[in-house]
N, C-alpha and C. Protein backbone atom coordinates (compact mmCIF):
# COMPACT_ATOMS: atom_id res chain seq x y z
N MET A 1 241.78 -119.40 60.63
CA MET A 1 241.74 -120.63 60.19
C MET A 1 242.34 -121.60 60.98
N PHE A 2 244.42 -120.62 61.44
CA PHE A 2 245.50 -121.00 61.75
C PHE A 2 245.55 -120.85 63.41
N SER A 3 244.12 -120.21 63.97
CA SER A 3 244.03 -119.88 65.41
C SER A 3 243.73 -121.48 66.54
N GLY A 4 245.20 -120.51 66.84
CA GLY A 4 245.28 -122.41 68.04
C GLY A 4 246.03 -123.30 67.74
N SER A 5 246.77 -123.00 66.24
CA SER A 5 247.25 -124.08 65.63
C SER A 5 248.49 -124.25 66.45
N LEU A 6 248.87 -125.11 65.97
CA LEU A 6 250.86 -125.31 67.00
C LEU A 6 252.10 -125.05 65.35
N ARG A 7 252.76 -123.66 65.96
CA ARG A 7 253.95 -122.98 65.28
C ARG A 7 255.84 -124.08 65.30
N CYS A 8 255.82 -124.23 64.61
CA CYS A 8 257.26 -124.15 65.06
C CYS A 8 258.59 -122.33 63.91
N ALA A 9 259.64 -123.05 64.18
CA ALA A 9 260.17 -121.30 62.99
C ALA A 9 261.40 -121.83 63.75
N ASP A 10 262.17 -121.11 62.46
CA ASP A 10 263.67 -120.75 62.86
C ASP A 10 263.58 -120.18 61.39
N ARG A 11 264.86 -119.37 60.90
CA ARG A 11 265.06 -117.82 60.06
C ARG A 11 264.73 -118.61 58.71
N PHE A 12 264.24 -119.51 58.90
CA PHE A 12 264.34 -120.17 56.95
C PHE A 12 262.74 -120.78 57.12
N PHE A 13 261.89 -120.47 57.66
CA PHE A 13 260.38 -121.18 58.14
C PHE A 13 260.20 -121.23 58.49
N THR A 14 258.01 -120.73 58.70
CA THR A 14 257.37 -121.24 59.64
C THR A 14 256.58 -122.06 59.16
N VAL A 15 256.29 -122.79 60.17
CA VAL A 15 255.47 -124.00 59.94
C VAL A 15 254.22 -123.98 60.97
N LEU A 16 253.34 -124.61 60.74
CA LEU A 16 251.41 -124.00 61.38
C LEU A 16 251.01 -125.41 60.45
N GLY A 17 250.66 -126.13 62.00
CA GLY A 17 250.19 -127.48 62.13
C GLY A 17 249.03 -127.46 62.95
N LYS A 18 247.55 -128.14 62.47
CA LYS A 18 246.50 -127.96 63.07
C LYS A 18 245.63 -129.07 62.56
N LYS A 19 245.14 -130.03 63.45
CA LYS A 19 244.71 -131.17 62.86
C LYS A 19 243.01 -130.82 62.15
N ASN A 20 243.13 -131.73 60.65
CA ASN A 20 241.99 -131.98 60.00
C ASN A 20 241.79 -132.89 60.64
N ASP A 21 240.51 -132.86 59.75
CA ASP A 21 238.99 -133.47 59.41
C ASP A 21 239.33 -134.59 58.60
N SER A 22 240.69 -134.86 57.79
CA SER A 22 240.62 -135.71 56.38
C SER A 22 241.79 -136.94 57.49
N SER A 23 241.99 -137.75 56.49
CA SER A 23 242.64 -138.50 57.13
C SER A 23 244.06 -138.57 56.18
N VAL A 24 244.43 -138.27 55.54
CA VAL A 24 245.40 -138.03 55.77
C VAL A 24 246.16 -136.67 55.56
N PRO A 25 247.37 -136.61 55.95
CA PRO A 25 247.55 -135.08 56.01
C PRO A 25 248.05 -134.48 54.95
N ARG A 26 247.80 -132.71 54.75
CA ARG A 26 247.87 -131.88 53.59
C ARG A 26 248.68 -130.49 54.22
N LEU A 27 249.24 -130.39 52.54
CA LEU A 27 250.81 -129.20 52.81
C LEU A 27 249.56 -127.94 52.12
N GLY A 28 250.03 -127.02 53.15
CA GLY A 28 250.03 -125.76 52.48
C GLY A 28 251.44 -124.31 52.67
N LEU A 29 251.15 -123.66 51.23
CA LEU A 29 252.49 -122.92 51.13
C LEU A 29 252.67 -121.77 50.91
N ALA A 30 253.14 -120.82 51.54
CA ALA A 30 253.24 -119.86 51.48
C ALA A 30 254.41 -119.02 50.96
N VAL A 31 255.13 -118.53 49.56
CA VAL A 31 256.29 -118.10 49.25
C VAL A 31 255.65 -117.11 48.44
N SER A 32 256.49 -115.57 49.61
CA SER A 32 256.04 -114.13 48.57
C SER A 32 256.69 -113.73 47.95
N LYS A 33 256.44 -113.07 47.53
CA LYS A 33 257.28 -111.92 46.67
C LYS A 33 257.79 -111.16 47.19
N ARG A 34 258.11 -111.00 47.95
CA ARG A 34 259.17 -110.18 49.93
C ARG A 34 260.05 -111.24 49.48
N VAL A 35 259.24 -112.83 49.95
CA VAL A 35 260.48 -112.80 50.20
C VAL A 35 261.42 -113.73 48.90
N ALA A 36 260.87 -114.20 47.72
CA ALA A 36 262.51 -114.13 46.81
C ALA A 36 260.71 -113.33 45.28
N SER A 37 261.92 -112.25 45.04
CA SER A 37 261.42 -111.24 43.58
C SER A 37 260.81 -112.03 42.11
N LYS A 38 261.53 -113.22 42.44
CA LYS A 38 261.60 -113.90 41.31
C LYS A 38 261.03 -115.22 41.12
N ALA A 39 260.54 -115.60 40.65
CA ALA A 39 259.10 -116.84 40.47
C ALA A 39 259.77 -117.96 40.15
N VAL A 40 260.82 -117.89 39.77
CA VAL A 40 262.15 -119.45 39.68
C VAL A 40 262.63 -119.67 41.20
N ALA A 41 262.02 -118.19 41.82
CA ALA A 41 263.41 -118.49 42.98
C ALA A 41 262.12 -118.78 43.95
N ARG A 42 261.24 -118.41 43.97
CA ARG A 42 259.70 -118.94 44.59
C ARG A 42 259.38 -120.13 44.38
N ASN A 43 259.00 -120.62 43.61
CA ASN A 43 259.13 -121.86 42.66
C ASN A 43 259.88 -123.53 43.28
N ARG A 44 261.38 -122.83 43.84
CA ARG A 44 262.50 -123.54 43.90
C ARG A 44 261.75 -124.13 45.82
N LEU A 45 261.48 -123.09 46.33
CA LEU A 45 261.46 -123.30 48.03
C LEU A 45 260.39 -123.82 48.23
N LYS A 46 259.26 -123.90 46.91
CA LYS A 46 257.74 -124.67 46.61
C LYS A 46 258.00 -125.42 46.50
N ARG A 47 258.80 -126.24 46.00
CA ARG A 47 259.48 -127.74 45.54
C ARG A 47 260.39 -127.42 46.53
N LEU A 48 260.99 -127.69 46.69
CA LEU A 48 262.00 -128.21 48.87
C LEU A 48 260.97 -128.44 49.82
N ALA A 49 259.75 -127.69 49.83
CA ALA A 49 258.93 -127.81 50.55
C ALA A 49 258.22 -129.33 50.56
N ARG A 50 257.85 -129.20 49.11
CA ARG A 50 256.41 -130.42 48.75
C ARG A 50 257.86 -131.80 48.94
N GLU A 51 258.32 -131.45 48.48
CA GLU A 51 259.23 -133.16 48.34
C GLU A 51 259.68 -133.12 50.21
N ALA A 52 260.37 -132.31 51.16
CA ALA A 52 261.12 -132.76 52.54
C ALA A 52 259.68 -132.72 53.40
N PHE A 53 258.15 -132.07 52.20
CA PHE A 53 256.68 -133.23 53.40
C PHE A 53 256.42 -134.78 51.94
N ARG A 54 256.63 -134.81 51.02
CA ARG A 54 256.67 -136.34 50.94
C ARG A 54 257.95 -137.36 51.74
N CYS A 55 258.86 -136.81 52.27
CA CYS A 55 260.00 -137.60 52.89
C CYS A 55 259.33 -138.21 54.22
N GLN A 56 258.91 -137.21 54.38
CA GLN A 56 258.62 -137.99 55.72
C GLN A 56 257.42 -138.86 56.15
N ASN A 57 258.26 -139.43 57.20
CA ASN A 57 256.73 -140.79 57.56
C ASN A 57 256.66 -140.45 58.70
N GLY A 58 254.85 -141.16 59.58
CA GLY A 58 254.55 -141.33 60.21
C GLY A 58 253.31 -139.62 60.72
N LEU A 59 253.53 -138.61 59.30
CA LEU A 59 253.14 -137.83 59.85
C LEU A 59 251.55 -137.63 59.77
N PRO A 60 251.17 -137.27 60.68
CA PRO A 60 249.96 -136.43 61.70
C PRO A 60 249.25 -136.31 60.55
N ASP A 61 247.90 -137.00 60.61
CA ASP A 61 246.38 -136.90 59.82
C ASP A 61 245.76 -135.11 60.16
N TRP A 62 247.44 -133.85 60.13
CA TRP A 62 246.94 -132.59 60.29
C TRP A 62 247.47 -131.86 58.81
N ASP A 63 246.81 -130.86 58.95
CA ASP A 63 247.40 -129.19 58.40
C ASP A 63 248.06 -128.66 58.35
N PHE A 64 248.61 -128.33 56.92
CA PHE A 64 250.81 -127.92 57.69
C PHE A 64 250.68 -126.71 56.55
N VAL A 65 251.19 -125.81 56.91
CA VAL A 65 251.56 -125.08 55.74
C VAL A 65 252.70 -124.22 56.41
N VAL A 66 253.23 -124.51 55.81
CA VAL A 66 255.73 -123.68 55.09
C VAL A 66 254.59 -122.70 54.63
N ILE A 67 255.36 -121.47 55.20
CA ILE A 67 255.71 -120.15 55.01
C ILE A 67 257.28 -120.13 55.28
N ALA A 68 257.67 -119.82 54.10
CA ALA A 68 258.77 -118.57 53.62
C ALA A 68 259.01 -117.54 54.18
N ARG A 69 260.50 -117.62 54.38
CA ARG A 69 261.33 -115.91 55.48
C ARG A 69 262.36 -115.68 54.24
N PRO A 70 262.75 -114.23 54.43
CA PRO A 70 263.12 -114.33 52.71
C PRO A 70 265.12 -115.28 53.24
N ALA A 71 265.06 -115.15 54.31
CA ALA A 71 266.32 -116.05 54.38
C ALA A 71 266.69 -117.29 53.64
N ALA A 72 265.68 -117.53 53.52
CA ALA A 72 265.92 -119.02 52.76
C ALA A 72 266.08 -119.02 51.47
N ALA A 73 265.83 -117.84 50.82
CA ALA A 73 265.97 -117.59 48.95
C ALA A 73 267.65 -116.87 49.25
N ALA A 74 268.35 -117.59 50.17
CA ALA A 74 269.87 -116.85 49.51
C ALA A 74 270.24 -118.24 49.93
N GLU A 75 269.50 -119.12 50.97
CA GLU A 75 270.33 -121.02 51.58
C GLU A 75 270.63 -121.15 50.60
N GLY A 76 271.18 -122.81 50.47
CA GLY A 76 271.62 -123.77 49.62
C GLY A 76 270.37 -125.12 50.39
N ASN A 77 269.59 -125.95 49.46
CA ASN A 77 268.75 -127.11 49.14
C ASN A 77 268.70 -127.26 50.25
N ASN A 78 269.97 -128.63 50.59
CA ASN A 78 270.76 -128.96 52.24
C ASN A 78 270.48 -128.51 52.84
N MET A 79 270.58 -127.55 53.64
CA MET A 79 270.07 -126.54 54.80
C MET A 79 268.92 -126.78 54.84
N LEU A 80 268.48 -126.05 53.98
CA LEU A 80 266.35 -125.82 53.74
C LEU A 80 265.25 -127.22 54.31
N LYS A 81 265.78 -128.08 53.23
CA LYS A 81 265.80 -129.86 53.45
C LYS A 81 265.42 -129.92 54.48
N ARG A 82 267.10 -129.99 55.64
CA ARG A 82 267.23 -129.91 57.43
C ARG A 82 266.42 -129.67 57.43
N SER A 83 266.01 -128.04 57.64
CA SER A 83 264.98 -126.87 58.27
C SER A 83 264.30 -127.59 58.65
N LEU A 84 263.53 -128.28 57.02
CA LEU A 84 262.12 -128.64 57.12
C LEU A 84 262.01 -129.13 57.61
N GLU A 85 262.98 -130.05 57.67
CA GLU A 85 262.54 -131.54 58.33
C GLU A 85 261.77 -131.62 59.81
N LYS A 86 263.79 -131.07 60.09
CA LYS A 86 263.02 -130.56 61.49
C LYS A 86 262.21 -129.99 61.69
N HIS A 87 261.23 -129.05 61.28
CA HIS A 87 259.90 -128.24 62.06
C HIS A 87 259.25 -129.89 61.15
N PHE A 88 258.77 -130.04 60.78
CA PHE A 88 258.49 -131.58 60.53
C PHE A 88 257.59 -132.69 61.71
N GLN A 89 259.31 -133.13 62.54
CA GLN A 89 259.02 -133.69 63.19
C GLN A 89 258.70 -133.16 64.48
N ARG A 90 259.55 -132.10 64.78
CA ARG A 90 258.73 -131.12 65.65
C ARG A 90 257.36 -130.81 66.18
N LEU A 91 256.65 -131.27 64.93
CA LEU A 91 255.48 -130.95 65.58
C LEU A 91 254.69 -132.11 65.35
N THR A 92 255.07 -132.99 64.80
CA THR A 92 254.80 -134.44 64.23
C THR A 92 254.53 -135.57 66.01
N ARG A 93 256.03 -134.75 66.70
CA ARG A 93 255.99 -135.17 68.35
C ARG A 93 255.63 -134.59 69.01
N LYS A 94 254.95 -132.39 69.20
CA LYS A 94 253.74 -132.37 69.30
C LYS A 94 252.81 -132.72 69.40
N ALA A 95 252.95 -133.17 67.96
CA ALA A 95 250.98 -134.10 67.87
C ALA A 95 251.11 -134.98 68.54
N ASN A 96 252.67 -136.24 68.49
CA ASN A 96 251.48 -137.14 69.80
C ASN A 96 251.54 -137.01 71.57
N GLU A 97 252.07 -135.71 71.16
CA GLU A 97 252.22 -135.62 72.53
C GLU A 97 250.47 -135.39 73.18
N GLU A 98 249.78 -133.99 72.62
CA GLU A 98 249.34 -133.46 72.54
C GLU A 98 247.41 -135.02 71.89
N ARG A 99 248.07 -136.19 70.99
CA ARG A 99 247.07 -136.69 71.34
C ARG A 99 246.85 -138.35 72.48
N ASN A 100 248.32 -137.96 72.73
CA ASN A 100 248.84 -139.25 74.24
C ASN A 100 247.66 -138.26 75.43
N GLY A 101 247.90 -136.82 75.54
CA GLY A 101 247.52 -136.23 76.35
C GLY A 101 245.92 -136.73 76.85
N GLN A 102 245.02 -136.67 75.35
CA GLN A 102 244.14 -136.22 75.40
C GLN A 102 243.84 -137.97 75.53
N SER A 103 243.97 -139.40 75.55
CA SER A 103 243.44 -140.05 75.73
C SER A 103 243.76 -140.17 76.84
């Protein structure tokens, strides 16, 4: 499904982005037990990702998938939120470049 998608990664998250047929940006989350063994820790990471996504302005009409990495479970909320914001900004910039290049 995400072959040919744009990818952005750091030690906390990998974020994939791909154009969708919808008129709104959409978010998918993947936080495995390998990343955080306790459900409360997995849910915290998912809540943070949803909030970072919700706070973004000007996201393209793409599907975004946030995949958590093991280092994310041990990091504080502020650092994780900044990481996700950077990922969404980079992918938005790449989406705009791709759109302008095709026009």
